[in-house]
PDB file of N, CA and C in Angstrom:
ATOM      1  N   UNK A   1      24.094  34.531 -19.875  1.00  0.00           N
ATOM      2  CA  UNK A   1      24.074  34.023 -18.510  1.00  0.00           C
ATOM      3  C   UNK A   1      23.606  32.563 -18.528  1.00  0.00           C
ATOM      4  N   UNK A   2      24.354  31.699 -17.893  1.00  0.00           N
ATOM      5  CA  UNK A   2      24.003  30.280 -17.823  1.00  0.00           C
ATOM      6  C   UNK A   2      22.893  30.067 -16.801  1.00  0.00           C
ATOM      7  N   UNK A   3      22.088  29.072 -17.032  1.00  0.00           N
ATOM      8  CA  UNK A   3      21.046  28.736 -16.069  1.00  0.00           C
ATOM      9  C   UNK A   3      21.236  27.300 -15.610  1.00  0.00           C
ATOM     10  N   UNK A   4      20.741  27.031 -14.416  1.00  0.00           N
ATOM     11  CA  UNK A   4      20.876  25.689 -13.848  1.00  0.00           C
ATOM     12  C   UNK A   4      19.962  24.726 -14.597  1.00  0.00           C
ATOM     13  N   UNK A   5      20.480  23.576 -14.895  1.00  0.00           N
ATOM     14  CA  UNK A   5      19.706  22.539 -15.567  1.00  0.00           C
ATOM     15  C   UNK A   5      19.794  21.264 -14.754  1.00  0.00           C
ATOM     16  N   UNK A   6      18.844  20.407 -14.966  1.00  0.00           N
ATOM     17  CA  UNK A   6      18.906  19.103 -14.322  1.00  0.00           C
ATOM     18  C   UNK A   6      18.176  18.098 -15.198  1.00  0.00           C
ATOM     19  N   UNK A   7      18.510  16.853 -14.992  1.00  0.00           N
ATOM     20  CA  UNK A   7      17.864  15.752 -15.694  1.00  0.00           C
ATOM     21  C   UNK A   7      17.233  14.864 -14.637  1.00  0.00           C
ATOM     22  N   UNK A   8      15.954  14.569 -14.818  1.00  0.00           N
ATOM     23  CA  UNK A   8      15.260  13.631 -13.944  1.00  0.00           C
ATOM     24  C   UNK A   8      15.002  12.364 -14.747  1.00  0.00           C
ATOM     25  N   UNK A   9      15.462  11.254 -14.228  1.00  0.00           N
ATOM     26  CA  UNK A   9      15.209   9.961 -14.862  1.00  0.00           C
ATOM     27  C   UNK A   9      13.972   9.383 -14.187  1.00  0.00           C
ATOM     28  N   UNK A  10      12.928   9.183 -14.976  1.00  0.00           N
ATOM     29  CA  UNK A  10      11.645   8.726 -14.445  1.00  0.00           C
ATOM     30  C   UNK A  10      11.244   7.439 -15.150  1.00  0.00           C
ATOM     31  N   UNK A  11      11.040   6.389 -14.388  1.00  0.00           N
ATOM     32  CA  UNK A  11      10.515   5.147 -14.963  1.00  0.00           C
ATOM     33  C   UNK A  11       9.012   5.324 -15.127  1.00  0.00           C
ATOM     34  N   UNK A  12       8.523   5.129 -16.336  1.00  0.00           N
ATOM     35  CA  UNK A  12       7.090   5.307 -16.556  1.00  0.00           C
ATOM     36  C   UNK A  12       6.341   3.980 -16.553  1.00  0.00           C
ATOM     37  N   UNK A  13       7.052   2.925 -16.568  1.00  0.00           N
ATOM     38  CA  UNK A  13       6.494   1.587 -16.419  1.00  0.00           C
ATOM     39  C   UNK A  13       7.336   0.907 -15.346  1.00  0.00           C
ATOM     40  N   UNK A  14       6.857  -0.166 -14.769  1.00  0.00           N
ATOM     41  CA  UNK A  14       7.681  -0.811 -13.752  1.00  0.00           C
ATOM     42  C   UNK A  14       9.098  -1.050 -14.275  1.00  0.00           C
ATOM     43  N   UNK A  15      10.069  -0.587 -13.506  1.00  0.00           N
ATOM     44  CA  UNK A  15      11.473  -0.752 -13.892  1.00  0.00           C
ATOM     45  C   UNK A  15      12.303  -0.968 -12.642  1.00  0.00           C
ATOM     46  N   UNK A  16      13.299  -1.775 -12.756  1.00  0.00           N
ATOM     47  CA  UNK A  16      14.219  -2.021 -11.657  1.00  0.00           C
ATOM     48  C   UNK A  16      15.122  -0.797 -11.513  1.00  0.00           C
ATOM     49  N   UNK A  17      15.059  -0.134 -10.368  1.00  0.00           N
ATOM     50  CA  UNK A  17      15.844   1.079 -10.127  1.00  0.00           C
ATOM     51  C   UNK A  17      17.336   0.838 -10.362  1.00  0.00           C
ATOM     52  N   UNK A  18      17.797  -0.374 -10.095  1.00  0.00           N
ATOM     53  CA  UNK A  18      19.222  -0.676 -10.266  1.00  0.00           C
ATOM     54  C   UNK A  18      19.658  -0.567 -11.731  1.00  0.00           C
ATOM     55  N   UNK A  19      18.712  -0.603 -12.661  1.00  0.00           N
ATOM     56  CA  UNK A  19      19.038  -0.419 -14.074  1.00  0.00           C
ATOM     57  C   UNK A  19      19.187   1.058 -14.435  1.00  0.00           C
ATOM     58  N   UNK A  20      18.568   1.926 -13.647  1.00  0.00           N
ATOM     59  CA  UNK A  20      18.573   3.359 -13.948  1.00  0.00           C
ATOM     60  C   UNK A  20      19.711   4.110 -13.270  1.00  0.00           C
ATOM     61  N   UNK A  21      20.076   3.697 -12.069  1.00  0.00           N
ATOM     62  CA  UNK A  21      21.113   4.395 -11.298  1.00  0.00           C
ATOM     63  C   UNK A  21      22.440   4.512 -12.053  1.00  0.00           C
ATOM     64  N   UNK A  22      22.890   3.487 -12.780  1.00  0.00           N
ATOM     65  CA  UNK A  22      24.161   3.626 -13.508  1.00  0.00           C
ATOM     66  C   UNK A  22      24.152   4.704 -14.597  1.00  0.00           C
ATOM     67  N   UNK A  23      22.995   5.215 -14.950  1.00  0.00           N
ATOM     68  CA  UNK A  23      22.915   6.279 -15.954  1.00  0.00           C
ATOM     69  C   UNK A  23      23.272   7.648 -15.392  1.00  0.00           C
ATOM     70  N   UNK A  24      23.197   7.796 -14.066  1.00  0.00           N
ATOM     71  CA  UNK A  24      23.367   9.108 -13.437  1.00  0.00           C
ATOM     72  C   UNK A  24      24.729   9.724 -13.745  1.00  0.00           C
ATOM     73  N   UNK A  25      25.792   9.025 -13.458  1.00  0.00           N
ATOM     74  CA  UNK A  25      27.133   9.602 -13.624  1.00  0.00           C
ATOM     75  C   UNK A  25      27.453   9.966 -15.075  1.00  0.00           C
ATOM     76  N   UNK A  26      27.268   9.054 -16.032  1.00  0.00           N
ATOM     77  CA  UNK A  26      27.603   9.445 -17.409  1.00  0.00           C
ATOM     78  C   UNK A  26      26.743  10.591 -17.944  1.00  0.00           C
ATOM     79  N   UNK A  27      25.472  10.635 -17.554  1.00  0.00           N
ATOM     80  CA  UNK A  27      24.634  11.752 -17.996  1.00  0.00           C
ATOM     81  C   UNK A  27      25.095  13.063 -17.373  1.00  0.00           C
ATOM     82  N   UNK A  28      25.424  13.034 -16.082  1.00  0.00           N
ATOM     83  CA  UNK A  28      25.897  14.239 -15.399  1.00  0.00           C
ATOM     84  C   UNK A  28      27.190  14.746 -16.022  1.00  0.00           C
ATOM     85  N   UNK A  29      28.089  13.839 -16.339  1.00  0.00           N
ATOM     86  CA  UNK A  29      29.364  14.235 -16.945  1.00  0.00           C
ATOM     87  C   UNK A  29      29.170  14.751 -18.371  1.00  0.00           C
ATOM     88  N   UNK A  30      28.317  14.108 -19.118  1.00  0.00           N
ATOM     89  CA  UNK A  30      28.091  14.502 -20.511  1.00  0.00           C
ATOM     90  C   UNK A  30      27.406  15.859 -20.623  1.00  0.00           C
ATOM     91  N   UNK A  31      26.401  16.087 -19.774  1.00  0.00           N
ATOM     92  CA  UNK A  31      25.602  17.307 -19.888  1.00  0.00           C
ATOM     93  C   UNK A  31      25.938  18.364 -18.836  1.00  0.00           C
ATOM     94  N   UNK A  32      26.915  18.093 -17.978  1.00  0.00           N
ATOM     95  CA  UNK A  32      27.354  19.040 -16.937  1.00  0.00           C
ATOM     96  C   UNK A  32      26.177  19.581 -16.128  1.00  0.00           C
ATOM     97  N   UNK A  33      25.395  18.668 -15.595  1.00  0.00           N
ATOM     98  CA  UNK A  33      24.250  19.077 -14.783  1.00  0.00           C
ATOM     99  C   UNK A  33      23.947  18.009 -13.737  1.00  0.00           C
ATOM    100  N   UNK A  34      23.056  18.369 -12.833  1.00  0.00           N
ATOM    101  CA  UNK A  34      22.599  17.424 -11.822  1.00  0.00           C
ATOM    102  C   UNK A  34      21.695  16.383 -12.486  1.00  0.00           C
ATOM    103  N   UNK A  35      21.824  15.135 -12.054  1.00  0.00           N
ATOM    104  CA  UNK A  35      20.978  14.055 -12.565  1.00  0.00           C
ATOM    105  C   UNK A  35      20.439  13.285 -11.372  1.00  0.00           C
ATOM    106  N   UNK A  36      19.157  12.977 -11.418  1.00  0.00           N
ATOM    107  CA  UNK A  36      18.513  12.283 -10.307  1.00  0.00           C
ATOM    108  C   UNK A  36      17.552  11.232 -10.850  1.00  0.00           C
ATOM    109  N   UNK A  37      17.535  10.079 -10.205  1.00  0.00           N
ATOM    110  CA  UNK A  37      16.537   9.056 -10.509  1.00  0.00           C
ATOM    111  C   UNK A  37      15.382   9.292  -9.548  1.00  0.00           C
ATOM    112  N   UNK A  38      14.209   9.578 -10.099  1.00  0.00           N
ATOM    113  CA  UNK A  38      13.044   9.829  -9.259  1.00  0.00           C
ATOM    114  C   UNK A  38      12.240   8.546  -9.111  1.00  0.00           C
ATOM    115  N   UNK A  39      11.265   8.600  -8.253  1.00  0.00           N
ATOM    116  CA  UNK A  39      10.417   7.417  -8.078  1.00  0.00           C
ATOM    117  C   UNK A  39       9.595   7.202  -9.345  1.00  0.00           C
ATOM    118  N   UNK A  40       9.196   5.992  -9.549  1.00  0.00           N
ATOM    119  CA  UNK A  40       8.424   5.648 -10.742  1.00  0.00           C
ATOM    120  C   UNK A  40       7.084   6.373 -10.742  1.00  0.00           C
ATOM    121  N   UNK A  41       6.644   6.740 -11.921  1.00  0.00           N
ATOM    122  CA  UNK A  41       5.344   7.381 -12.087  1.00  0.00           C
ATOM    123  C   UNK A  41       4.327   6.310 -12.476  1.00  0.00           C
ATOM    124  N   UNK A  42       3.121   6.411 -11.935  1.00  0.00           N
ATOM    125  CA  UNK A  42       2.090   5.443 -12.316  1.00  0.00           C
ATOM    126  C   UNK A  42       1.500   5.816 -13.679  1.00  0.00           C
ATOM    127  N   UNK A  43       2.302   5.660 -14.706  1.00  0.00           N
ATOM    128  CA  UNK A  43       1.897   6.057 -16.051  1.00  0.00           C
ATOM    129  C   UNK A  43       2.098   4.882 -16.994  1.00  0.00           C
ATOM    130  N   UNK A  44       1.039   4.485 -17.651  1.00  0.00           N
ATOM    131  CA  UNK A  44       1.136   3.428 -18.654  1.00  0.00           C
ATOM    132  C   UNK A  44       1.533   4.089 -19.966  1.00  0.00           C
ATOM    133  N   UNK A  45       2.749   3.870 -20.392  1.00  0.00           N
ATOM    134  CA  UNK A  45       3.263   4.528 -21.582  1.00  0.00           C
ATOM    135  C   UNK A  45       2.833   3.901 -22.890  1.00  0.00           C
ATOM    136  N   UNK A  46       1.966   2.904 -22.843  1.00  0.00           N
ATOM    137  CA  UNK A  46       1.578   2.212 -24.077  1.00  0.00           C
ATOM    138  C   UNK A  46       0.907   3.142 -25.084  1.00  0.00           C
ATOM    139  N   UNK A  47       0.272   4.224 -24.609  1.00  0.00           N
ATOM    140  CA  UNK A  47      -0.388   5.164 -25.524  1.00  0.00           C
ATOM    141  C   UNK A  47       0.610   5.839 -26.467  1.00  0.00           C
ATOM    142  N   UNK A  48       1.871   5.901 -26.067  1.00  0.00           N
ATOM    143  CA  UNK A  48       2.885   6.592 -26.863  1.00  0.00           C
ATOM    144  C   UNK A  48       3.746   5.633 -27.684  1.00  0.00           C
ATOM    145  N   UNK A  49       3.430   4.348 -27.636  1.00  0.00           N
ATOM    146  CA  UNK A  49       4.239   3.361 -28.354  1.00  0.00           C
ATOM    147  C   UNK A  49       3.885   3.328 -29.836  1.00  0.00           C
ATOM    148  N   UNK A  50       4.892   3.484 -30.665  1.00  0.00           N
ATOM    149  CA  UNK A  50       4.755   3.315 -32.108  1.00  0.00           C
ATOM    150  C   UNK A  50       5.140   1.860 -32.383  1.00  0.00           C
ATOM    151  N   UNK A  51       4.144   1.033 -32.599  1.00  0.00           N
ATOM    152  CA  UNK A  51       4.363  -0.408 -32.714  1.00  0.00           C
ATOM    153  C   UNK A  51       5.264  -0.758 -33.900  1.00  0.00           C
ATOM    154  N   UNK A  52       5.103  -0.079 -35.012  1.00  0.00           N
ATOM    155  CA  UNK A  52       5.901  -0.425 -36.189  1.00  0.00           C
ATOM    156  C   UNK A  52       7.382  -0.109 -35.996  1.00  0.00           C
ATOM    157  N   UNK A  53       7.689   0.903 -35.186  1.00  0.00           N
ATOM    158  CA  UNK A  53       9.088   1.266 -34.930  1.00  0.00           C
ATOM    159  C   UNK A  53       9.581   0.725 -33.591  1.00  0.00           C
ATOM    160  N   UNK A  54       8.653   0.217 -32.771  1.00  0.00           N
ATOM    161  CA  UNK A  54       8.936  -0.238 -31.413  1.00  0.00           C
ATOM    162  C   UNK A  54       9.718   0.826 -30.631  1.00  0.00           C
ATOM    163  N   UNK A  55       9.191   2.054 -30.701  1.00  0.00           N
ATOM    164  CA  UNK A  55       9.748   3.190 -29.978  1.00  0.00           C
ATOM    165  C   UNK A  55       8.606   3.971 -29.351  1.00  0.00           C
ATOM    166  N   UNK A  56       8.915   4.644 -28.251  1.00  0.00           N
ATOM    167  CA  UNK A  56       7.943   5.499 -27.594  1.00  0.00           C
ATOM    168  C   UNK A  56       8.117   6.929 -28.080  1.00  0.00           C
ATOM    169  N   UNK A  57       7.013   7.633 -28.295  1.00  0.00           N
ATOM    170  CA  UNK A  57       7.058   9.032 -28.701  1.00  0.00           C
ATOM    171  C   UNK A  57       7.361   9.918 -27.500  1.00  0.00           C
ATOM    172  N   UNK A  58       8.517  10.543 -27.506  1.00  0.00           N
ATOM    173  CA  UNK A  58       8.946  11.341 -26.353  1.00  0.00           C
ATOM    174  C   UNK A  58       8.044  12.541 -26.102  1.00  0.00           C
ATOM    175  N   UNK A  59       7.537  13.171 -27.148  1.00  0.00           N
ATOM    176  CA  UNK A  59       6.691  14.353 -26.970  1.00  0.00           C
ATOM    177  C   UNK A  59       5.434  13.998 -26.186  1.00  0.00           C
ATOM    178  N   UNK A  60       4.794  12.907 -26.537  1.00  0.00           N
ATOM    179  CA  UNK A  60       3.581  12.477 -25.838  1.00  0.00           C
ATOM    180  C   UNK A  60       3.885  12.092 -24.397  1.00  0.00           C
ATOM    181  N   UNK A  61       5.000  11.418 -24.165  1.00  0.00           N
ATOM    182  CA  UNK A  61       5.362  11.011 -22.804  1.00  0.00           C
ATOM    183  C   UNK A  61       5.671  12.221 -21.925  1.00  0.00           C
ATOM    184  N   UNK A  62       6.425  13.167 -22.447  1.00  0.00           N
ATOM    185  CA  UNK A  62       6.764  14.359 -21.663  1.00  0.00           C
ATOM    186  C   UNK A  62       5.504  15.151 -21.339  1.00  0.00           C
ATOM    187  N   UNK A  63       4.603  15.291 -22.298  1.00  0.00           N
ATOM    188  CA  UNK A  63       3.347  16.001 -22.045  1.00  0.00           C
ATOM    189  C   UNK A  63       2.566  15.327 -20.921  1.00  0.00           C
ATOM    190  N   UNK A  64       2.519  14.007 -20.924  1.00  0.00           N
ATOM    191  CA  UNK A  64       1.802  13.276 -19.872  1.00  0.00           C
ATOM    192  C   UNK A  64       2.480  13.444 -18.517  1.00  0.00           C
ATOM    193  N   UNK A  65       3.803  13.465 -18.487  1.00  0.00           N
ATOM    194  CA  UNK A  65       4.526  13.637 -17.225  1.00  0.00           C
ATOM    195  C   UNK A  65       4.311  15.029 -16.639  1.00  0.00           C
ATOM    196  N   UNK A  66       4.119  16.018 -17.491  1.00  0.00           N
ATOM    197  CA  UNK A  66       3.940  17.392 -17.026  1.00  0.00           C
ATOM    198  C   UNK A  66       2.521  17.690 -16.566  1.00  0.00           C
ATOM    199  N   UNK A  67       1.580  16.786 -16.837  1.00  0.00           N
ATOM    200  CA  UNK A  67       0.186  17.004 -16.416  1.00  0.00           C
ATOM    201  C   UNK A  67       0.039  16.900 -14.928  1.00  0.00           C
TER     202      UNK A  67
END
């Protein structure tokens, strides 16, 4: 049995919403689900930044968003 899925796009640092909205359609088409850009979260993501790779750790960010 299939279950409903959705993707929420959340800016965790100040971001121009106009940069995120164009992601909605391709993500919805690719993953066959609802996609929504939510309001920005007041979360400083610097704690999850791996400086040597210049990437954010998704596990740490998702855990913080779920708190």
